N, C-alpha and C. Protein backbone atom coordinates (compact mmCIF):
# COMPACT_ATOMS: atom_id res chain seq x y z
N UNK A 1 15.93 14.71 -32.33
CA UNK A 1 15.40 13.86 -31.72
C UNK A 1 16.07 13.37 -30.24
N UNK A 2 16.73 13.10 -29.71
CA UNK A 2 17.66 12.80 -29.09
C UNK A 2 17.22 14.01 -28.35
N UNK A 3 17.87 15.33 -28.80
CA UNK A 3 17.63 16.42 -27.89
C UNK A 3 15.92 16.98 -27.23
N UNK A 4 15.79 16.36 -27.88
CA UNK A 4 13.69 16.92 -27.80
C UNK A 4 13.63 15.79 -26.79
N UNK A 5 13.86 14.09 -26.13
CA UNK A 5 13.60 13.45 -25.18
C UNK A 5 14.91 13.39 -24.38
N UNK A 6 15.91 14.62 -24.19
CA UNK A 6 16.44 14.19 -23.32
C UNK A 6 15.96 15.76 -22.70
N UNK A 7 15.69 16.45 -23.40
CA UNK A 7 14.86 18.12 -22.88
C UNK A 7 13.17 17.26 -22.11
N UNK A 8 12.43 16.27 -22.72
CA UNK A 8 11.23 16.30 -22.48
C UNK A 8 11.80 15.63 -20.90
N UNK A 9 12.54 14.78 -20.88
CA UNK A 9 13.25 13.50 -19.75
C UNK A 9 13.08 14.48 -18.80
N UNK A 10 14.11 15.35 -18.61
CA UNK A 10 14.58 16.56 -17.44
C UNK A 10 12.91 17.36 -17.34
N UNK A 11 12.10 17.72 -18.06
CA UNK A 11 11.29 18.66 -17.83
C UNK A 11 10.17 17.98 -17.23
N UNK A 12 9.95 16.67 -17.57
CA UNK A 12 8.13 15.43 -17.36
C UNK A 12 9.28 15.39 -16.49
N UNK A 13 10.06 14.92 -15.91
CA UNK A 13 10.89 14.56 -14.15
C UNK A 13 10.97 15.06 -13.27
N UNK A 14 11.12 16.53 -13.75
CA UNK A 14 11.63 17.63 -13.41
C UNK A 14 9.74 18.19 -12.11
N UNK A 15 9.21 17.61 -13.25
CA UNK A 15 7.68 17.90 -12.78
C UNK A 15 7.09 17.86 -11.51
N UNK A 16 7.60 16.79 -10.91
CA UNK A 16 7.12 15.91 -10.40
C UNK A 16 7.30 17.05 -8.85
N UNK A 17 8.93 17.13 -8.94
CA UNK A 17 9.41 17.47 -7.21
C UNK A 17 9.74 19.74 -7.32
N UNK A 18 9.76 20.05 -8.94
CA UNK A 18 9.54 21.75 -8.26
C UNK A 18 9.72 22.09 -9.75
N UNK A 19 9.80 23.21 -10.73
CA UNK A 19 9.82 24.09 -11.26
C UNK A 19 9.99 23.32 -12.43
N UNK A 20 9.11 22.74 -13.90
CA UNK A 20 9.38 22.35 -14.87
C UNK A 20 10.38 22.79 -15.72
N UNK A 21 10.72 23.81 -15.28
CA UNK A 21 11.32 25.40 -16.53
C UNK A 21 12.79 25.15 -15.78
N UNK A 22 14.13 24.58 -16.63
CA UNK A 22 15.52 24.72 -15.61
C UNK A 22 15.82 26.01 -15.72
N UNK A 23 16.69 26.48 -14.34
CA UNK A 23 17.13 27.54 -14.02
C UNK A 23 18.62 27.66 -13.45
N UNK A 24 19.27 28.12 -14.11
CA UNK A 24 20.86 28.09 -14.38
C UNK A 24 21.43 28.41 -12.72
N UNK A 25 22.02 27.53 -12.76
CA UNK A 25 23.30 27.11 -11.45
C UNK A 25 24.47 27.60 -11.33
N UNK A 26 24.56 28.12 -9.97
CA UNK A 26 25.91 28.94 -9.15
C UNK A 26 27.10 28.06 -9.86
N UNK A 27 27.90 28.65 -10.91
CA UNK A 27 29.01 27.79 -11.26
C UNK A 27 30.52 28.84 -10.26
N UNK A 28 30.49 29.18 -8.96
CA UNK A 28 31.20 29.49 -7.58
C UNK A 28 31.50 27.87 -7.90
N UNK A 29 30.78 27.08 -7.28
CA UNK A 29 31.08 25.50 -6.63
C UNK A 29 30.58 24.52 -8.31
N UNK A 30 31.31 23.58 -7.66
CA UNK A 30 30.52 22.87 -9.18
C UNK A 30 29.10 22.09 -8.56
N UNK A 31 28.49 22.07 -9.92
CA UNK A 31 26.91 22.05 -9.58
C UNK A 31 25.66 21.24 -9.24
N UNK A 32 26.73 20.09 -9.23
CA UNK A 32 26.12 18.84 -8.88
C UNK A 32 26.88 18.33 -7.32
N UNK A 33 25.92 17.93 -6.00
CA UNK A 33 26.32 18.31 -4.77
C UNK A 33 26.74 16.76 -5.11
N UNK A 34 27.72 15.84 -3.69
CA UNK A 34 27.79 14.96 -3.49
C UNK A 34 26.81 14.02 -3.24
N UNK A 35 26.91 13.15 -2.61
CA UNK A 35 25.80 12.22 -2.23
C UNK A 35 24.73 10.70 -2.88
N UNK A 36 24.23 10.49 -2.75
CA UNK A 36 23.43 9.63 -3.24
C UNK A 36 22.06 10.45 -4.79
N UNK A 37 22.30 9.63 -5.42
CA UNK A 37 21.92 10.32 -6.72
C UNK A 37 21.12 9.16 -7.64
N UNK A 38 19.99 9.11 -8.08
CA UNK A 38 19.89 7.76 -9.63
C UNK A 38 20.38 8.36 -10.82
N UNK A 39 21.28 7.72 -11.37
CA UNK A 39 21.51 7.53 -12.83
C UNK A 39 20.51 7.37 -13.70
N UNK A 40 19.82 7.70 -14.36
CA UNK A 40 18.03 7.52 -15.31
C UNK A 40 19.06 8.04 -17.30
N UNK A 41 19.10 6.53 -17.35
CA UNK A 41 18.84 6.36 -19.15
C UNK A 41 18.18 5.55 -19.28
N UNK A 42 16.97 6.35 -20.94
CA UNK A 42 16.24 5.90 -21.38
C UNK A 42 16.94 5.50 -23.39
N UNK A 43 16.72 5.53 -23.98
CA UNK A 43 17.12 5.26 -24.84
C UNK A 43 15.81 6.78 -26.02
N UNK A 44 16.73 7.45 -26.91
CA UNK A 44 15.86 8.36 -26.91
C UNK A 44 15.30 8.13 -28.48
N UNK A 45 15.66 7.48 -29.21
CA UNK A 45 15.34 6.47 -30.63
C UNK A 45 14.20 6.02 -30.55
N UNK A 46 14.13 4.97 -29.54
CA UNK A 46 13.11 3.94 -29.24
C UNK A 46 12.25 4.32 -28.59
N UNK A 47 12.30 5.40 -27.51
CA UNK A 47 11.52 5.50 -26.17
C UNK A 47 12.04 4.73 -25.23
N UNK A 48 11.08 4.03 -24.71
CA UNK A 48 11.51 3.44 -23.09
C UNK A 48 11.36 1.75 -23.23
N UNK A 49 10.54 1.42 -24.82
CA UNK A 49 10.22 0.41 -25.06
C UNK A 49 11.56 -0.25 -26.10
N UNK A 50 12.02 -1.74 -26.43
CA UNK A 50 12.95 -1.64 -27.38
C UNK A 50 11.53 -3.52 -27.88
N UNK A 51 11.51 -3.27 -28.97
CA UNK A 51 11.20 -4.55 -29.38
C UNK A 51 11.49 -4.88 -30.93
N UNK A 52 11.04 -6.75 -29.96
CA UNK A 52 12.02 -7.65 -31.05
C UNK A 52 11.66 -9.16 -31.47
N UNK A 53 12.14 -9.89 -32.28
CA UNK A 53 11.62 -11.31 -32.07
C UNK A 53 12.15 -12.27 -30.85
N UNK A 54 11.94 -12.72 -29.86
CA UNK A 54 12.86 -13.26 -28.70
C UNK A 54 12.14 -15.09 -29.18
N UNK A 55 12.70 -15.93 -28.20
CA UNK A 55 12.34 -17.23 -28.33
C UNK A 55 10.29 -17.83 -28.11
N UNK A 56 10.02 -16.84 -27.82
CA UNK A 56 8.59 -16.76 -27.98
C UNK A 56 8.08 -15.46 -28.86
N UNK A 57 8.33 -15.35 -30.17
CA UNK A 57 7.13 -14.41 -30.85
C UNK A 57 8.25 -13.40 -30.74
N UNK A 58 7.19 -12.01 -30.58
CA UNK A 58 7.71 -10.81 -30.73
C UNK A 58 7.18 -10.05 -28.71
N UNK A 59 8.84 -9.38 -28.82
CA UNK A 59 8.57 -9.00 -26.92
C UNK A 59 9.03 -7.78 -27.21
N UNK A 60 8.48 -7.25 -25.68
CA UNK A 60 8.46 -5.97 -25.42
C UNK A 60 10.13 -5.95 -24.05
N UNK A 61 10.62 -5.02 -23.87
CA UNK A 61 10.97 -4.96 -22.74
C UNK A 61 12.05 -3.68 -22.78
N UNK A 62 12.45 -3.03 -21.07
CA UNK A 62 12.37 -1.30 -21.47
C UNK A 62 13.74 -1.48 -21.81
N UNK A 63 13.39 -0.50 -22.18
CA UNK A 63 15.36 0.36 -23.05
C UNK A 63 14.90 1.55 -22.38
N UNK A 64 14.62 1.37 -20.78
CA UNK A 64 15.31 2.29 -19.91
C UNK A 64 15.82 2.02 -18.30
N UNK A 65 16.75 2.50 -18.41
CA UNK A 65 17.22 2.18 -16.45
C UNK A 65 17.28 3.06 -16.09
N UNK A 66 16.81 2.76 -14.33
CA UNK A 66 17.78 3.74 -13.22
C UNK A 66 17.95 3.47 -12.07
N UNK A 67 19.59 3.52 -12.01
CA UNK A 67 20.27 2.93 -10.75
C UNK A 67 20.87 3.96 -9.71
N UNK A 68 20.63 3.97 -8.75
CA UNK A 68 21.45 4.19 -7.44
C UNK A 68 22.68 4.19 -7.50
N UNK A 69 23.08 5.56 -6.89
CA UNK A 69 24.95 5.06 -6.74
C UNK A 69 25.14 6.03 -5.45
N UNK A 70 26.54 6.89 -5.13
CA UNK A 70 27.02 7.82 -4.29
C UNK A 70 27.60 8.51 -5.33
N UNK A 71 27.78 9.59 -5.37
CA UNK A 71 28.65 11.01 -6.28
C UNK A 71 29.69 10.77 -5.29
N UNK A 72 30.68 11.51 -6.07
CA UNK A 72 31.77 11.84 -5.08
C UNK A 72 33.07 12.76 -5.63
N UNK A 73 33.42 13.64 -5.02
CA UNK A 73 34.36 14.89 -5.79
C UNK A 73 36.07 14.23 -5.90
N UNK A 74 36.59 14.02 -7.25
CA UNK A 74 37.87 13.73 -7.10
C UNK A 74 38.14 15.06 -7.91
N UNK A 75 38.75 15.68 -7.29
CA UNK A 75 39.98 17.01 -7.77
C UNK A 75 38.40 17.37 -8.66
N UNK A 76 38.72 18.24 -9.95
CA UNK A 76 37.22 18.74 -10.86
C UNK A 76 36.35 17.75 -11.26
N UNK A 77 36.26 16.40 -11.52
CA UNK A 77 35.52 16.19 -11.09
C UNK A 77 34.57 14.94 -10.59
N UNK A 78 33.45 14.93 -11.07
CA UNK A 78 32.14 14.76 -10.46
C UNK A 78 32.01 12.82 -10.70
N UNK A 79 31.92 12.10 -9.08
CA UNK A 79 31.99 10.91 -9.92
C UNK A 79 30.73 10.15 -9.31
N UNK A 80 29.65 9.31 -9.92
CA UNK A 80 29.19 9.00 -9.70
C UNK A 80 29.45 7.24 -9.80
N UNK A 81 29.33 6.45 -8.56
CA UNK A 81 29.24 5.17 -8.58
C UNK A 81 28.11 4.03 -8.11
N UNK A 82 27.82 2.54 -8.25
CA UNK A 82 26.77 1.92 -8.06
C UNK A 82 27.19 2.03 -6.74
N UNK A 83 26.04 1.73 -5.60
CA UNK A 83 25.59 1.78 -3.87
C UNK A 83 26.11 0.23 -3.88
N UNK A 84 25.76 -0.99 -4.91
CA UNK A 84 25.82 -2.39 -4.32
C UNK A 84 26.31 -2.45 -5.58
N UNK A 85 27.14 -3.99 -5.85
CA UNK A 85 27.25 -4.45 -6.71
C UNK A 85 26.26 -5.13 -7.58
N UNK A 86 24.77 -5.41 -6.83
CA UNK A 86 23.81 -5.69 -8.26
C UNK A 86 23.66 -4.65 -8.99
N UNK A 87 23.43 -3.35 -8.08
CA UNK A 87 23.57 -2.41 -9.67
C UNK A 87 24.53 -2.19 -10.87
N UNK A 88 25.36 -2.76 -10.60
CA UNK A 88 26.11 -2.75 -12.10
C UNK A 88 27.61 -2.61 -11.87
N UNK A 89 28.36 -2.31 -12.56
CA UNK A 89 29.63 -1.33 -12.72
C UNK A 89 30.17 0.18 -12.82
N UNK A 90 28.97 0.38 -13.24
CA UNK A 90 29.07 1.85 -14.24
C UNK A 90 29.66 2.84 -13.24
N UNK A 91 30.31 3.96 -13.72
CA UNK A 91 31.09 4.95 -13.60
C UNK A 91 30.44 6.06 -14.60
N UNK A 92 29.72 6.80 -13.47
CA UNK A 92 29.35 8.60 -14.30
C UNK A 92 30.78 9.24 -13.75
N UNK A 93 31.10 10.12 -15.31
CA UNK A 93 32.29 11.27 -14.53
C UNK A 93 31.83 12.42 -15.79
N UNK A 94 31.43 13.14 -14.90
CA UNK A 94 31.07 14.65 -15.12
C UNK A 94 32.21 16.25 -14.80
N UNK A 95 32.50 16.39 -15.54
CA UNK A 95 33.25 18.04 -14.95
C UNK A 95 32.27 19.13 -15.93
N UNK A 96 33.21 19.83 -15.49
CA UNK A 96 32.14 21.62 -16.11
C UNK A 96 32.64 21.86 -17.40
N UNK A 97 32.45 21.75 -18.33
CA UNK A 97 32.64 22.16 -19.84
C UNK A 97 32.88 23.75 -19.69
N UNK A 98 34.40 23.57 -20.92
CA UNK A 98 35.03 25.26 -21.16
C UNK A 98 33.75 25.87 -21.83
N UNK A 99 32.93 25.62 -22.17
CA UNK A 99 31.83 26.47 -22.61
C UNK A 99 30.36 26.23 -21.43
N UNK A 100 30.78 26.46 -20.34
CA UNK A 100 30.35 26.78 -18.80
C UNK A 100 29.16 26.94 -18.55
N UNK A 101 28.69 28.35 -19.16
CA UNK A 101 27.43 29.45 -18.95
C UNK A 101 26.48 29.32 -20.47
N UNK A 102 25.39 29.03 -20.01
CA UNK A 102 24.34 29.10 -21.11
C UNK A 102 23.39 29.04 -20.03
N UNK A 103 21.46 29.61 -21.36
CA UNK A 103 20.62 29.96 -20.87
C UNK A 103 20.03 29.00 -19.79
N UNK A 104 20.54 27.23 -20.35
CA UNK A 104 19.82 26.11 -19.96
C UNK A 104 20.18 25.88 -19.03
N UNK A 105 21.71 26.25 -17.94
CA UNK A 105 22.12 25.90 -16.87
C UNK A 105 23.60 25.44 -17.60
N UNK A 106 24.64 25.32 -16.70
CA UNK A 106 25.92 24.75 -16.30
C UNK A 106 26.17 23.68 -17.42
N UNK A 107 26.98 23.56 -18.94
CA UNK A 107 27.13 23.23 -19.55
C UNK A 107 28.53 21.58 -18.83
N UNK A 108 27.96 20.32 -19.06
CA UNK A 108 28.54 19.40 -18.36
C UNK A 108 29.23 18.66 -19.24
N UNK A 109 30.59 17.89 -19.65
CA UNK A 109 30.73 16.81 -20.10
C UNK A 109 31.72 15.89 -19.16
N UNK A 110 32.15 14.66 -20.17
CA UNK A 110 32.44 13.43 -19.41
C UNK A 110 32.05 12.28 -19.84
N UNK A 111 31.64 11.51 -18.91
CA UNK A 111 31.66 9.46 -20.31
C UNK A 111 30.94 9.14 -18.99
N UNK A 112 30.62 8.22 -19.62
CA UNK A 112 30.05 6.64 -18.46
C UNK A 112 30.51 5.46 -18.63
N UNK A 113 30.88 4.53 -18.34
CA UNK A 113 31.64 3.43 -18.60
C UNK A 113 30.38 2.05 -17.99
N UNK A 114 30.79 0.79 -18.14
CA UNK A 114 30.23 -0.01 -17.43
C UNK A 114 29.12 -0.29 -17.70
N UNK A 115 28.59 -1.19 -16.24
CA UNK A 115 27.17 -1.88 -17.12
C UNK A 115 25.91 -1.19 -15.55
N UNK A 116 24.85 -1.03 -16.03
CA UNK A 116 24.32 -0.24 -15.12
C UNK A 116 22.81 -1.58 -15.21
N UNK A 117 22.70 -1.81 -13.96
CA UNK A 117 21.40 -2.65 -13.97
C UNK A 117 19.77 -1.97 -13.28
N UNK A 118 19.09 -2.17 -13.95
CA UNK A 118 17.76 -1.61 -13.28
C UNK A 118 17.44 -1.74 -12.05
N UNK A 119 17.32 -0.73 -11.17
CA UNK A 119 16.91 -0.57 -10.18
C UNK A 119 15.63 -1.40 -9.52
N UNK A 120 15.24 -2.78 -9.87
CA UNK A 120 14.04 -3.31 -9.92
C UNK A 120 13.61 -3.39 -7.84
N UNK A 121 14.35 -4.01 -7.27
CA UNK A 121 13.70 -3.88 -6.14
C UNK A 121 13.46 -3.01 -5.68
N UNK A 122 14.13 -1.98 -5.57
CA UNK A 122 13.42 -0.14 -4.43
C UNK A 122 12.86 0.69 -5.37
N UNK A 123 12.44 0.04 -6.94
CA UNK A 123 12.22 1.07 -7.64
C UNK A 123 10.64 1.74 -7.31
N UNK A 124 10.21 0.96 -6.77
CA UNK A 124 8.55 1.29 -6.68
C UNK A 124 8.26 2.22 -5.37
N UNK A 125 9.06 2.18 -4.72
CA UNK A 125 8.79 3.31 -3.71
C UNK A 125 9.80 4.74 -4.31
N UNK A 126 10.32 4.63 -4.87
CA UNK A 126 10.73 6.11 -5.76
C UNK A 126 9.70 6.37 -7.50
N UNK A 127 9.26 5.51 -7.92
CA UNK A 127 8.45 5.81 -8.85
C UNK A 127 7.70 7.11 -8.72
N UNK A 128 6.44 7.12 -7.48
CA UNK A 128 6.26 8.15 -7.18
C UNK A 128 6.87 9.80 -7.49
N UNK A 129 8.75 9.92 -7.70
CA UNK A 129 9.53 10.83 -7.37
C UNK A 129 10.13 10.60 -9.28
N UNK A 130 10.31 9.72 -9.28
CA UNK A 130 10.64 9.58 -10.85
C UNK A 130 9.64 8.59 -11.31
N UNK A 131 8.47 9.03 -12.48
CA UNK A 131 8.15 8.33 -12.96
C UNK A 131 8.26 7.41 -14.20
N UNK A 132 8.05 7.14 -14.94
CA UNK A 132 8.18 5.92 -16.02
C UNK A 132 9.21 4.77 -16.16
N UNK A 133 9.47 4.40 -14.88
CA UNK A 133 10.27 3.02 -15.28
C UNK A 133 9.48 2.50 -14.27
N UNK A 134 10.21 1.20 -15.68
CA UNK A 134 9.20 -0.24 -15.10
C UNK A 134 9.72 -0.87 -13.81
N UNK A 135 9.15 -1.80 -13.41
CA UNK A 135 10.03 -2.97 -12.78
C UNK A 135 10.67 -4.45 -13.26
N UNK A 136 10.29 -4.47 -14.31
CA UNK A 136 11.27 -5.24 -15.48
C UNK A 136 12.73 -5.33 -15.15
N UNK A 137 13.24 -6.36 -15.55
CA UNK A 137 14.58 -6.14 -15.03
C UNK A 137 15.40 -5.90 -16.82
N UNK A 138 16.07 -4.76 -16.23
CA UNK A 138 16.72 -4.56 -17.20
C UNK A 138 18.35 -3.97 -17.46
N UNK A 139 19.48 -3.69 -18.23
CA UNK A 139 20.65 -3.64 -18.56
C UNK A 139 20.76 -2.89 -19.41
N UNK A 140 21.73 -1.66 -19.11
CA UNK A 140 22.52 -0.51 -20.32
C UNK A 140 23.99 -1.03 -19.89
N UNK A 141 24.50 -1.50 -21.44
CA UNK A 141 25.77 -2.04 -20.90
C UNK A 141 26.78 -0.70 -21.68
N UNK A 142 27.58 0.58 -21.59
CA UNK A 142 28.18 1.54 -21.93
C UNK A 142 29.22 0.87 -22.62
N UNK A 143 29.35 1.12 -23.46
CA UNK A 143 30.82 0.62 -24.64
C UNK A 143 32.15 1.57 -24.49
N UNK A 144 32.96 0.89 -24.82
CA UNK A 144 33.83 2.18 -24.37
C UNK A 144 34.41 3.34 -25.38
N UNK A 145 34.69 4.30 -24.61
CA UNK A 145 34.42 5.87 -25.38
C UNK A 145 33.12 6.22 -25.50
N UNK A 146 32.20 5.85 -24.62
CA UNK A 146 30.73 7.01 -24.37
C UNK A 146 31.02 7.83 -23.49
N UNK A 147 30.59 9.17 -24.72
CA UNK A 147 30.41 10.20 -23.85
C UNK A 147 29.50 11.17 -23.59
N UNK A 148 29.38 11.50 -22.64
CA UNK A 148 28.08 12.54 -21.88
C UNK A 148 28.28 13.54 -22.15
N UNK A 149 27.59 14.55 -22.67
CA UNK A 149 27.60 16.22 -22.83
C UNK A 149 26.02 16.67 -22.01
N UNK A 150 25.87 17.72 -21.51
CA UNK A 150 24.15 18.20 -21.15
C UNK A 150 24.31 19.12 -19.74
N UNK A 151 23.86 20.03 -19.43
CA UNK A 151 23.83 21.03 -18.74
C UNK A 151 22.98 20.91 -16.86
N UNK A 152 23.71 21.12 -16.14
CA UNK A 152 23.37 21.39 -14.77
C UNK A 152 22.28 21.79 -14.79
N UNK A 153 21.16 21.64 -13.77
CA UNK A 153 19.70 22.72 -13.95
C UNK A 153 19.66 22.29 -12.81
N UNK A 154 18.60 23.16 -12.48
CA UNK A 154 17.88 23.18 -10.79
C UNK A 154 16.50 22.99 -11.45
N UNK A 155 15.69 21.64 -11.02
CA UNK A 155 14.61 21.27 -11.83
C UNK A 155 13.83 20.13 -10.84
N UNK A 156 14.04 20.84 -9.32
CA UNK A 156 12.59 19.48 -8.71
C UNK A 156 14.20 18.63 -8.03
N UNK A 157 14.17 17.30 -8.77
CA UNK A 157 14.75 16.66 -8.41
C UNK A 157 15.88 15.98 -9.28
N UNK A 158 15.41 16.54 -11.01
CA UNK A 158 16.72 16.80 -11.59
C UNK A 158 17.27 17.62 -11.78
N UNK A 159 19.14 17.31 -11.41
CA UNK A 159 19.93 17.88 -11.17
C UNK A 159 20.65 18.02 -12.66
N UNK A 160 20.24 17.29 -13.24
CA UNK A 160 21.13 17.09 -15.06
C UNK A 160 20.59 16.18 -15.64
N UNK A 161 20.64 17.01 -17.16
CA UNK A 161 20.33 16.04 -18.67
C UNK A 161 21.27 16.33 -18.92
N UNK A 162 21.47 15.24 -20.25
CA UNK A 162 21.45 15.48 -21.60
C UNK A 162 22.00 14.27 -22.13
N UNK A 163 22.32 13.91 -23.17
CA UNK A 163 22.85 12.67 -23.83
C UNK A 163 24.20 12.51 -24.34
N UNK A 164 24.51 11.14 -24.58
CA UNK A 164 25.41 9.83 -24.59
C UNK A 164 25.55 9.86 -26.06
N UNK A 165 26.99 9.70 -26.17
CA UNK A 165 27.50 9.43 -27.79
C UNK A 165 28.37 8.06 -27.02
N UNK A 166 28.27 7.42 -28.79
CA UNK A 166 28.80 5.91 -28.64
C UNK A 166 28.20 4.59 -28.21
N UNK A 167 28.54 3.89 -28.18
CA UNK A 167 27.95 1.85 -28.25
C UNK A 167 27.05 1.84 -27.07
N UNK A 168 25.67 2.21 -26.65
CA UNK A 168 25.28 1.93 -25.60
C UNK A 168 24.06 0.95 -25.95
N UNK A 169 24.33 -0.25 -25.43
CA UNK A 169 23.53 -1.38 -25.33
C UNK A 169 22.18 -1.84 -24.43
N UNK A 170 21.10 -1.83 -24.88
CA UNK A 170 19.93 -2.01 -23.93
C UNK A 170 19.77 -3.99 -23.88
N UNK A 171 20.11 -4.30 -22.62
CA UNK A 171 19.26 -5.97 -22.81
C UNK A 171 18.27 -6.26 -21.66
N UNK A 172 17.30 -6.82 -22.37
CA UNK A 172 16.47 -7.60 -21.29
C UNK A 172 15.51 -8.44 -22.12
N UNK A 173 14.16 -8.74 -21.65
CA UNK A 173 13.66 -10.43 -22.22
C UNK A 173 14.84 -11.48 -23.05
N UNK A 174 15.53 -11.34 -22.95
CA UNK A 174 16.93 -11.95 -23.72
C UNK A 174 17.39 -11.78 -25.45
N UNK A 175 16.84 -10.17 -25.34
CA UNK A 175 17.25 -9.41 -26.46
C UNK A 175 17.97 -8.57 -25.97
N UNK A 176 18.57 -7.96 -27.30
CA UNK A 176 19.51 -6.75 -26.83
C UNK A 176 18.97 -5.71 -28.06
N UNK A 177 18.79 -4.07 -28.11
CA UNK A 177 18.57 -2.97 -28.67
C UNK A 177 20.35 -2.26 -28.60
N UNK A 178 20.41 -1.23 -29.51
CA UNK A 178 20.97 -0.48 -29.17
C UNK A 178 20.44 0.67 -29.64
N UNK A 179 20.84 1.70 -28.90
CA UNK A 179 20.25 3.49 -28.83
C UNK A 179 21.04 4.00 -28.82
N UNK A 180 20.70 5.14 -28.56
CA UNK A 180 21.31 7.16 -28.74
C UNK A 180 20.56 7.12 -27.38
N UNK A 181 20.79 7.13 -25.79
CA UNK A 181 20.31 7.12 -25.11
C UNK A 181 20.34 8.80 -24.62
N UNK A 182 19.44 9.07 -23.76
CA UNK A 182 19.51 10.45 -23.08
C UNK A 182 19.61 10.30 -21.26
N UNK A 183 20.58 10.82 -21.05
CA UNK A 183 20.65 10.68 -19.52
C UNK A 183 20.30 11.76 -18.42
N UNK A 184 20.32 11.68 -17.26
CA UNK A 184 19.89 11.88 -16.64
C UNK A 184 20.29 12.02 -14.67
N UNK A 185 20.33 12.62 -13.82
CA UNK A 185 20.73 12.34 -12.94
C UNK A 185 19.74 12.92 -11.88
N UNK A 186 19.52 12.23 -10.81
CA UNK A 186 18.76 12.60 -9.98
C UNK A 186 18.46 12.20 -8.48
N UNK A 187 18.26 13.48 -7.27
CA UNK A 187 18.94 13.92 -6.31
C UNK A 187 17.86 12.60 -5.99
N UNK A 188 18.78 11.99 -4.65
CA UNK A 188 18.04 11.14 -3.70
C UNK A 188 17.93 11.61 -2.33
N UNK A 189 18.32 12.73 -2.24
CA UNK A 189 18.54 13.42 -0.52
C UNK A 189 16.94 13.85 -0.16
N UNK A 190 16.43 12.80 1.05
CA UNK A 190 15.97 12.76 1.43
C UNK A 190 14.91 11.33 1.44
N UNK A 191 15.25 10.70 0.46
CA UNK A 191 14.19 9.85 0.13
C UNK A 191 14.89 8.00 0.36
N UNK A 192 13.93 7.49 1.16
CA UNK A 192 14.18 6.53 1.25
C UNK A 192 15.64 5.49 0.85
């Protein structure tokens, strides 16, 4: 199920900016560029909504976050951090995996740590390029030891996607839920 949601996330979001089918990326250089990007995390088991009983009865809130950040290369590792403290304290670290080449793109491995706060203020302007994320506040907390696996691809604005393993908790609406999320990195190049 997680793999299916990850693929659907990558292919569905990619349809807004280019071909929906991933194509292999050149492995001569690192497959992800430096610069501004959007980290997107969606719960693969719950969909994009958590439900539960809160203070006012049944509540629903986003189990999805989209957060802008800036990426730099540190040696052989691509590192994405938030643009500002309001976006959280997350850090995405990705490297080319030892089994780098495959039909779906360059294999990536790494980790995500910290907290990602959904980008509610500026997201309506980006929603035409990255549909499916709401304007409600939401947060993803990445526990220690959360690993990321996936593939870099050339698919419109979606540059890479995969799944996370480890403890990830989505918080919103005064409640929390644990999930098994899929992640994607979207390019913000040329966008406000």
